[in-house]
Amino acid sequence: MNTTTNTTPNNNTLLEVFMSLNSKDDLIDFLDKEFPEKCASPGQSIESIWLEAGKREVVRVLHSLSQLEDMTVREQNLINSPELPYMDNPNLGVFPNIEGI
């Protein structure tokens, strides 16, 4: 693929679009639109089918890694949350004191 000559519907080159991306989510969205899920066409060569499948697999892997990173960040935020002070206080044990409830 020659990214300097291929264009998007707005007549921007793919390289220009890529350079304008600001985050990993923008990159994944861009790749998702560039290489969408699709079925093989009648008469399409097996090589072409494998090539398209490989491109799409890259998008799937990046999407999965992004979701995993987001879950890890949420878990770290929960662990470090000030709403759970007993987690950092060894005098309270594993659970907060619930006597009198």
Protein backbone atom coordinates (compact mmCIF):
# COMPACT_ATOMS: atom_id res chain seq x y z
CA MET A 1 0.00 0.00 0.00
CA ASN A 2 1.41 3.37 -0.99
CA THR A 3 0.09 5.68 1.73
CA THR A 4 1.21 8.85 0.00
CA THR A 5 -1.06 8.31 -3.02
CA ASN A 6 -4.08 6.49 -1.57
CA THR A 7 -6.73 8.99 -0.55
CA THR A 8 -9.68 9.13 1.79
CA PRO A 9 -13.15 10.38 0.77
CA ASN A 10 -12.00 13.91 1.77
CA ASN A 11 -9.06 13.68 -0.69
CA ASN A 12 -6.55 13.54 2.16
CA THR A 13 -3.75 11.04 1.76
CA LEU A 14 -3.75 8.21 4.26
CA LEU A 15 -0.43 9.52 5.55
CA GLU A 16 -2.02 12.94 6.24
CA VAL A 17 -4.89 11.29 8.09
CA PHE A 18 -2.52 9.11 10.10
CA MET A 19 -0.39 12.11 11.09
CA SER A 20 -3.49 13.92 12.35
CA LEU A 21 -4.41 11.21 14.87
CA ASN A 22 -4.17 12.26 18.52
CA SER A 23 -4.57 9.04 20.50
CA LYS A 24 -4.54 5.26 20.37
CA ASP A 25 -8.34 5.35 20.20
CA ASP A 26 -8.16 7.57 17.12
CA LEU A 27 -5.72 5.12 15.56
CA ILE A 28 -7.96 2.13 16.29
CA ASP A 29 -11.01 3.98 14.92
CA PHE A 30 -9.05 4.92 11.79
CA LEU A 31 -7.88 1.34 11.23
CA ASP A 32 -11.38 0.00 11.95
CA LYS A 33 -12.79 2.19 9.17
CA GLU A 34 -9.89 1.48 6.81
CA PHE A 35 -10.07 -2.31 7.31
CA PRO A 36 -13.68 -3.16 8.24
CA GLU A 37 -15.05 -6.63 8.97
CA LYS A 38 -16.20 -8.09 5.67
CA CYS A 39 -16.89 -11.40 4.00
CA ALA A 40 -14.92 -12.77 1.10
CA SER A 41 -16.28 -12.00 -2.35
CA PRO A 42 -17.07 -14.70 -4.91
CA GLY A 43 -14.03 -15.20 -7.10
CA GLN A 44 -11.65 -13.52 -4.63
CA SER A 45 -8.27 -15.27 -4.50
CA ILE A 46 -7.27 -17.14 -1.37
CA GLU A 47 -4.20 -14.90 -1.11
CA SER A 48 -6.39 -11.79 -1.13
CA ILE A 49 -8.69 -13.29 1.50
CA TRP A 50 -5.72 -14.07 3.77
CA LEU A 51 -4.28 -10.59 3.25
CA GLU A 52 -7.58 -8.93 4.21
CA ALA A 53 -7.98 -11.27 7.20
CA GLY A 54 -4.49 -10.37 8.42
CA LYS A 55 -5.20 -6.65 8.20
CA ARG A 56 -8.41 -7.09 10.14
CA GLU A 57 -6.69 -9.25 12.78
CA VAL A 58 -4.30 -6.38 13.53
CA VAL A 59 -7.31 -4.14 14.24
CA ARG A 60 -8.85 -6.80 16.49
CA VAL A 61 -5.63 -7.23 18.48
CA LEU A 62 -5.18 -3.48 18.96
CA HIS A 63 -8.81 -3.16 20.07
CA SER A 64 -8.38 -6.02 22.58
CA LEU A 65 -5.16 -4.51 23.95
CA SER A 66 -6.87 -1.14 24.34
CA GLN A 67 -9.75 -2.72 26.25
CA LEU A 68 -7.31 -4.61 28.48
CA GLU A 69 -5.40 -1.40 29.19
CA ASP A 70 -8.65 0.42 30.03
CA MET A 71 -9.67 -2.37 32.45
CA THR A 72 -6.23 -2.29 34.09
CA VAL A 73 -6.43 1.48 34.56
CA ARG A 74 -9.93 1.17 36.09
CA GLU A 75 -8.71 -1.55 38.47
CA GLN A 76 -5.72 0.56 39.52
CA ASN A 77 -8.01 3.54 40.09
CA LEU A 78 -10.27 1.39 42.26
CA ILE A 79 -7.35 0.04 44.27
CA ASN A 80 -5.93 3.54 44.77
CA SER A 81 -9.33 5.09 45.50
CA PRO A 82 -9.54 7.18 48.68
CA GLU A 83 -13.00 5.67 49.18
CA LEU A 84 -11.31 2.48 50.37
CA PRO A 85 -9.11 3.71 53.22
CA TYR A 86 -9.11 0.34 54.99
CA MET A 87 -7.11 -1.14 52.11
CA ASP A 88 -4.05 0.92 53.16
CA ASN A 89 -4.49 0.59 56.93
CA PRO A 90 -3.00 -2.66 58.28
CA ASN A 91 -4.67 -2.04 61.67
CA LEU A 92 -8.11 -2.51 60.16
CA GLY A 93 -7.42 -5.87 58.55
CA VAL A 94 -8.90 -6.89 55.25
CA PHE A 95 -12.44 -5.66 55.98
CA PRO A 96 -13.56 -2.42 57.60
CA ASN A 97 -15.02 -2.52 61.11
CA ILE A 98 -18.75 -3.22 60.73
CA GLU A 99 -19.67 -3.68 64.39
CA GLY A 100 -22.95 -2.09 65.39
CA ILE A 101 -24.57 -2.50 62.00
